[in-house]
C-alpha atoms as a PDB file:
ATOM      1  CA  MET A   1      23.713 -28.810 -33.834  1.00  0.00           C
ATOM      2  CA  LYS A   2      24.945 -25.325 -34.839  1.00  0.00           C
ATOM      3  CA  ILE A   3      26.050 -24.630 -31.288  1.00  0.00           C
ATOM      4  CA  ALA A   4      28.059 -27.840 -31.155  1.00  0.00           C
ATOM      5  CA  PHE A   5      29.670 -27.146 -34.530  1.00  0.00           C
ATOM      6  CA  THR A   6      30.637 -23.567 -33.488  1.00  0.00           C
ATOM      7  CA  PHE A   7      32.031 -24.881 -30.199  1.00  0.00           C
ATOM      8  CA  PHE A   8      34.071 -27.525 -32.057  1.00  0.00           C
ATOM      9  CA  ILE A   9      35.537 -24.970 -34.544  1.00  0.00           C
ATOM     10  CA  SER A  10      36.385 -22.573 -31.690  1.00  0.00           C
ATOM     11  CA  LEU A  11      38.121 -25.371 -29.766  1.00  0.00           C
ATOM     12  CA  LEU A  12      40.034 -26.388 -32.872  1.00  0.00           C
ATOM     13  CA  LEU A  13      41.224 -22.810 -33.535  1.00  0.00           C
ATOM     14  CA  LEU A  14      42.247 -22.274 -29.909  1.00  0.00           C
ATOM     15  CA  SER A  15      44.322 -25.425 -29.917  1.00  0.00           C
ATOM     16  CA  CYS A  16      46.318 -24.091 -32.876  1.00  0.00           C
ATOM     17  CA  ALA A  17      47.397 -20.991 -30.962  1.00  0.00           C
ATOM     18  CA  SER A  18      50.948 -20.963 -29.711  1.00  0.00           C
ATOM     19  CA  ASN A  19      52.498 -19.214 -26.745  1.00  0.00           C
ATOM     20  CA  TYR A  20      55.892 -19.021 -28.457  1.00  0.00           C
ATOM     21  CA  GLU A  21      57.341 -15.498 -28.430  1.00  0.00           C
ATOM     22  CA  ALA A  22      60.239 -14.625 -30.703  1.00  0.00           C
ATOM     23  CA  PRO A  23      63.188 -12.942 -28.980  1.00  0.00           C
ATOM     24  CA  ILE A  24      62.940  -9.166 -29.430  1.00  0.00           C
ATOM     25  CA  GLU A  25      65.959  -6.929 -29.463  1.00  0.00           C
ATOM     26  CA  LYS A  26      65.417  -3.806 -27.446  1.00  0.00           C
ATOM     27  CA  GLY A  27      66.127  -0.807 -29.648  1.00  0.00           C
ATOM     28  CA  GLU A  28      65.369   2.852 -29.523  1.00  0.00           C
ATOM     29  CA  ALA A  29      62.102   3.600 -31.261  1.00  0.00           C
ATOM     30  CA  GLY A  30      62.220   5.417 -34.585  1.00  0.00           C
ATOM     31  CA  LEU A  31      59.649   7.716 -36.103  1.00  0.00           C
ATOM     32  CA  PHE A  32      58.159   5.253 -38.584  1.00  0.00           C
ATOM     33  CA  SER A  33      59.311   2.020 -36.981  1.00  0.00           C
ATOM     34  CA  LYS A  34      59.721   0.551 -33.521  1.00  0.00           C
ATOM     35  CA  ASP A  35      63.353  -0.137 -34.353  1.00  0.00           C
ATOM     36  CA  SER A  36      65.588   2.899 -34.878  1.00  0.00           C
ATOM     37  CA  LYS A  37      67.734   0.946 -37.333  1.00  0.00           C
ATOM     38  CA  LYS A  38      64.779   0.600 -39.682  1.00  0.00           C
ATOM     39  CA  GLY A  39      62.953   3.906 -39.129  1.00  0.00           C
ATOM     40  CA  LEU A  40      63.727   7.544 -38.728  1.00  0.00           C
ATOM     41  CA  SER A  41      64.242   9.230 -35.414  1.00  0.00           C
ATOM     42  CA  ILE A  42      63.487  12.795 -34.431  1.00  0.00           C
ATOM     43  CA  THR A  43      67.221  13.493 -34.144  1.00  0.00           C
ATOM     44  CA  ASP A  44      67.573  12.629 -37.849  1.00  0.00           C
ATOM     45  CA  PHE A  45      65.350  15.617 -38.617  1.00  0.00           C
ATOM     46  CA  ILE A  46      66.871  17.919 -36.015  1.00  0.00           C
ATOM     47  CA  ASN A  47      70.474  17.195 -37.020  1.00  0.00           C
ATOM     48  CA  LYS A  48      69.752  17.224 -40.748  1.00  0.00           C
ATOM     49  CA  ASP A  49      71.672  20.486 -41.309  1.00  0.00           C
ATOM     50  CA  PRO A  50      74.117  19.686 -44.134  1.00  0.00           C
ATOM     51  CA  LEU A  51      75.735  23.090 -43.694  1.00  0.00           C
ATOM     52  CA  GLY A  52      77.164  22.327 -40.288  1.00  0.00           C
ATOM     53  CA  ASP A  53      76.612  24.739 -37.460  1.00  0.00           C
ATOM     54  CA  LYS A  54      75.504  27.695 -39.584  1.00  0.00           C
ATOM     55  CA  SER A  55      71.950  28.758 -38.854  1.00  0.00           C
ATOM     56  CA  PHE A  56      71.057  30.562 -42.101  1.00  0.00           C
ATOM     57  CA  TYR A  57      70.794  29.028 -45.543  1.00  0.00           C
ATOM     58  CA  VAL A  58      71.242  32.490 -47.076  1.00  0.00           C
ATOM     59  CA  ASN A  59      73.763  35.235 -46.435  1.00  0.00           C
ATOM     60  CA  SER A  60      72.848  36.936 -43.168  1.00  0.00           C
ATOM     61  CA  PHE A  61      74.231  40.310 -44.269  1.00  0.00           C
ATOM     62  CA  LEU A  62      72.086  40.290 -47.413  1.00  0.00           C
ATOM     63  CA  TRP A  63      69.108  39.197 -45.329  1.00  0.00           C
ATOM     64  CA  ARG A  64      69.473  41.968 -42.754  1.00  0.00           C
ATOM     65  CA  ALA A  65      70.203  44.575 -45.438  1.00  0.00           C
ATOM     66  CA  SER A  66      67.096  43.509 -47.382  1.00  0.00           C
ATOM     67  CA  LEU A  67      64.925  43.885 -44.298  1.00  0.00           C
ATOM     68  CA  ASP A  68      66.434  47.273 -43.545  1.00  0.00           C
ATOM     69  CA  VAL A  69      66.188  48.732 -47.056  1.00  0.00           C
ATOM     70  CA  LEU A  70      62.696  47.352 -47.755  1.00  0.00           C
ATOM     71  CA  SER A  71      61.315  48.406 -44.371  1.00  0.00           C
ATOM     72  CA  PHE A  72      59.630  51.477 -45.904  1.00  0.00           C
ATOM     73  CA  ALA A  73      56.837  49.140 -47.056  1.00  0.00           C
ATOM     74  CA  PRO A  74      54.934  46.784 -44.743  1.00  0.00           C
ATOM     75  CA  PHE A  75      56.031  43.169 -45.057  1.00  0.00           C
ATOM     76  CA  GLN A  76      53.551  40.608 -46.305  1.00  0.00           C
ATOM     77  CA  SER A  77      55.846  37.611 -45.902  1.00  0.00           C
ATOM     78  CA  THR A  78      59.421  36.907 -44.820  1.00  0.00           C
ATOM     79  CA  ASP A  79      61.302  33.621 -44.831  1.00  0.00           C
ATOM     80  CA  ALA A  80      64.804  33.778 -43.351  1.00  0.00           C
ATOM     81  CA  PHE A  81      65.757  30.232 -44.339  1.00  0.00           C
ATOM     82  CA  GLY A  82      64.372  30.492 -47.872  1.00  0.00           C
ATOM     83  CA  GLY A  83      65.654  34.043 -48.268  1.00  0.00           C
ATOM     84  CA  ILE A  84      62.419  35.617 -49.463  1.00  0.00           C
ATOM     85  CA  VAL A  85      60.972  39.010 -48.537  1.00  0.00           C
ATOM     86  CA  VAL A  86      57.616  40.065 -49.972  1.00  0.00           C
ATOM     87  CA  THR A  87      56.097  43.440 -49.217  1.00  0.00           C
ATOM     88  CA  GLU A  88      52.485  44.451 -49.396  1.00  0.00           C
ATOM     89  CA  TRP A  89      51.354  46.986 -51.967  1.00  0.00           C
ATOM     90  CA  TYR A  90      52.853  50.334 -50.960  1.00  0.00           C
ATOM     91  CA  LYS A  91      51.114  53.475 -52.216  1.00  0.00           C
ATOM     92  CA  LYS A  92      53.404  56.098 -53.725  1.00  0.00           C
ATOM     93  CA  GLU A  93      51.659  59.044 -55.445  1.00  0.00           C
ATOM     94  CA  ASN A  94      49.320  57.559 -58.085  1.00  0.00           C
ATOM     95  CA  LYS A  95      51.028  54.179 -58.147  1.00  0.00           C
ATOM     96  CA  GLN A  96      51.269  51.166 -55.909  1.00  0.00           C
ATOM     97  CA  ILE A  97      54.541  49.290 -55.535  1.00  0.00           C
ATOM     98  CA  LYS A  98      55.159  45.703 -54.446  1.00  0.00           C
ATOM     99  CA  LEU A  99      58.663  44.327 -53.902  1.00  0.00           C
ATOM    100  CA  VAL A 100      59.843  40.721 -53.916  1.00  0.00           C
ATOM    101  CA  ALA A 101      63.437  40.092 -52.848  1.00  0.00           C
ATOM    102  CA  THR A 102      65.002  36.659 -53.226  1.00  0.00           C
ATOM    103  CA  ILE A 103      68.382  35.933 -51.679  1.00  0.00           C
ATOM    104  CA  LYS A 104      69.973  33.105 -53.626  1.00  0.00           C
ATOM    105  CA  SER A 105      73.419  32.767 -52.125  1.00  0.00           C
ATOM    106  CA  ARG A 106      75.183  32.076 -48.862  1.00  0.00           C
ATOM    107  CA  GLU A 107      78.003  34.400 -49.929  1.00  0.00           C
ATOM    108  CA  LEU A 108      77.872  38.161 -50.145  1.00  0.00           C
ATOM    109  CA  ARG A 109      77.885  38.480 -53.922  1.00  0.00           C
ATOM    110  CA  SER A 110      76.232  40.860 -56.355  1.00  0.00           C
ATOM    111  CA  GLU A 111      74.290  38.024 -57.978  1.00  0.00           C
ATOM    112  CA  GLY A 112      73.281  36.712 -54.560  1.00  0.00           C
ATOM    113  CA  ILE A 113      70.096  38.793 -54.523  1.00  0.00           C
ATOM    114  CA  LYS A 114      67.334  39.217 -57.072  1.00  0.00           C
ATOM    115  CA  LEU A 115      64.710  41.899 -56.648  1.00  0.00           C
ATOM    116  CA  LYS A 116      61.494  42.344 -58.582  1.00  0.00           C
ATOM    117  CA  VAL A 117      59.495  45.545 -58.428  1.00  0.00           C
ATOM    118  CA  TYR A 118      55.862  45.415 -59.483  1.00  0.00           C
ATOM    119  CA  ILE A 119      54.006  48.649 -60.164  1.00  0.00           C
ATOM    120  CA  LYS A 120      50.220  48.899 -60.285  1.00  0.00           C
ATOM    121  CA  ASN A 121      48.707  52.012 -61.858  1.00  0.00           C
ATOM    122  CA  LYS A 122      45.237  53.536 -61.395  1.00  0.00           C
ATOM    123  CA  LYS A 123      43.723  51.073 -63.870  1.00  0.00           C
ATOM    124  CA  ASN A 124      45.103  48.117 -61.838  1.00  0.00           C
ATOM    125  CA  GLU A 125      47.530  47.256 -64.629  1.00  0.00           C
ATOM    126  CA  ILE A 126      50.662  45.624 -63.231  1.00  0.00           C
ATOM    127  CA  SER A 127      54.069  46.058 -64.804  1.00  0.00           C
ATOM    128  CA  GLU A 128      57.606  45.242 -63.736  1.00  0.00           C
ATOM    129  CA  ASP A 129      60.232  47.970 -63.287  1.00  0.00           C
ATOM    130  CA  ALA A 130      63.723  46.532 -63.838  1.00  0.00           C
ATOM    131  CA  VAL A 131      65.503  49.891 -63.470  1.00  0.00           C
ATOM    132  CA  LEU A 132      64.056  50.575 -60.017  1.00  0.00           C
ATOM    133  CA  ALA A 133      64.732  46.946 -59.053  1.00  0.00           C
ATOM    134  CA  GLN A 134      68.417  47.362 -59.965  1.00  0.00           C
ATOM    135  CA  LYS A 135      68.676  50.569 -57.923  1.00  0.00           C
ATOM    136  CA  ILE A 136      67.158  48.919 -54.853  1.00  0.00           C
ATOM    137  CA  GLU A 137      69.408  45.849 -55.320  1.00  0.00           C
ATOM    138  CA  ASP A 138      72.415  48.196 -55.311  1.00  0.00           C
ATOM    139  CA  LEU A 139      71.174  49.807 -52.088  1.00  0.00           C
ATOM    140  CA  ILE A 140      70.786  46.382 -50.470  1.00  0.00           C
ATOM    141  CA  LEU A 141      74.264  45.289 -51.575  1.00  0.00           C
ATOM    142  CA  THR A 142      75.814  48.512 -50.276  1.00  0.00           C
ATOM    143  CA  LYS A 143      74.052  48.098 -46.938  1.00  0.00           C
ATOM    144  CA  ALA A 144      75.127  44.426 -46.740  1.00  0.00           C
ATOM    145  CA  ARG A 145      78.768  45.354 -47.361  1.00  0.00           C
ATOM    146  CA  SER A 146      78.501  48.007 -44.664  1.00  0.00           C
ATOM    147  CA  LEU A 147      77.073  45.453 -42.207  1.00  0.00           C
ATOM    148  CA  ARG A 148      79.898  43.051 -43.014  1.00  0.00           C
ATOM    149  CA  MET A 149      82.520  45.729 -42.414  1.00  0.00           C
ATOM    150  CA  GLN A 150      80.903  46.642 -39.081  1.00  0.00           C
ATOM    151  CA  ASN A 151      80.916  42.973 -38.131  1.00  0.00           C
ATOM    152  CA  LYS A 152      84.641  42.630 -38.945  1.00  0.00           C
ATOM    153  CA  LEU A 153      85.477  45.701 -36.861  1.00  0.00           C
ATOM    154  CA  ASN A 154      83.641  44.374 -33.798  1.00  0.00           C
END
């Protein structure tokens, strides 16, 4: 009896199936959808540059000058698009120095770079040296201006 009932239900369900297929528009596949009009495509990510054809999001002269001036200490991390340079702890006499440069502008401006200098003494106490940071910022800005002038002459 159970076999007959199962057979009957299966036959009933199979008879309800339809072979009707809705017309499908052929479209280019998107990233999150089979239709590019509804989803995102890889080219949306690749061509997402709102700044046009410029490759850096920060000023390239400030970036190169920062790398050049801070090259006395080994780099821990650099991010050209974010404009961040972080050095490792550099030992100088009885102190250790760590530098963090942040480039905040696409233009070559004095407020386009912010530098923080951290100093660790023998007791592992960390303090910030604003005077040294300002001196190094001035060196970076001078070097960046020099790079820009060299670029204009070439």
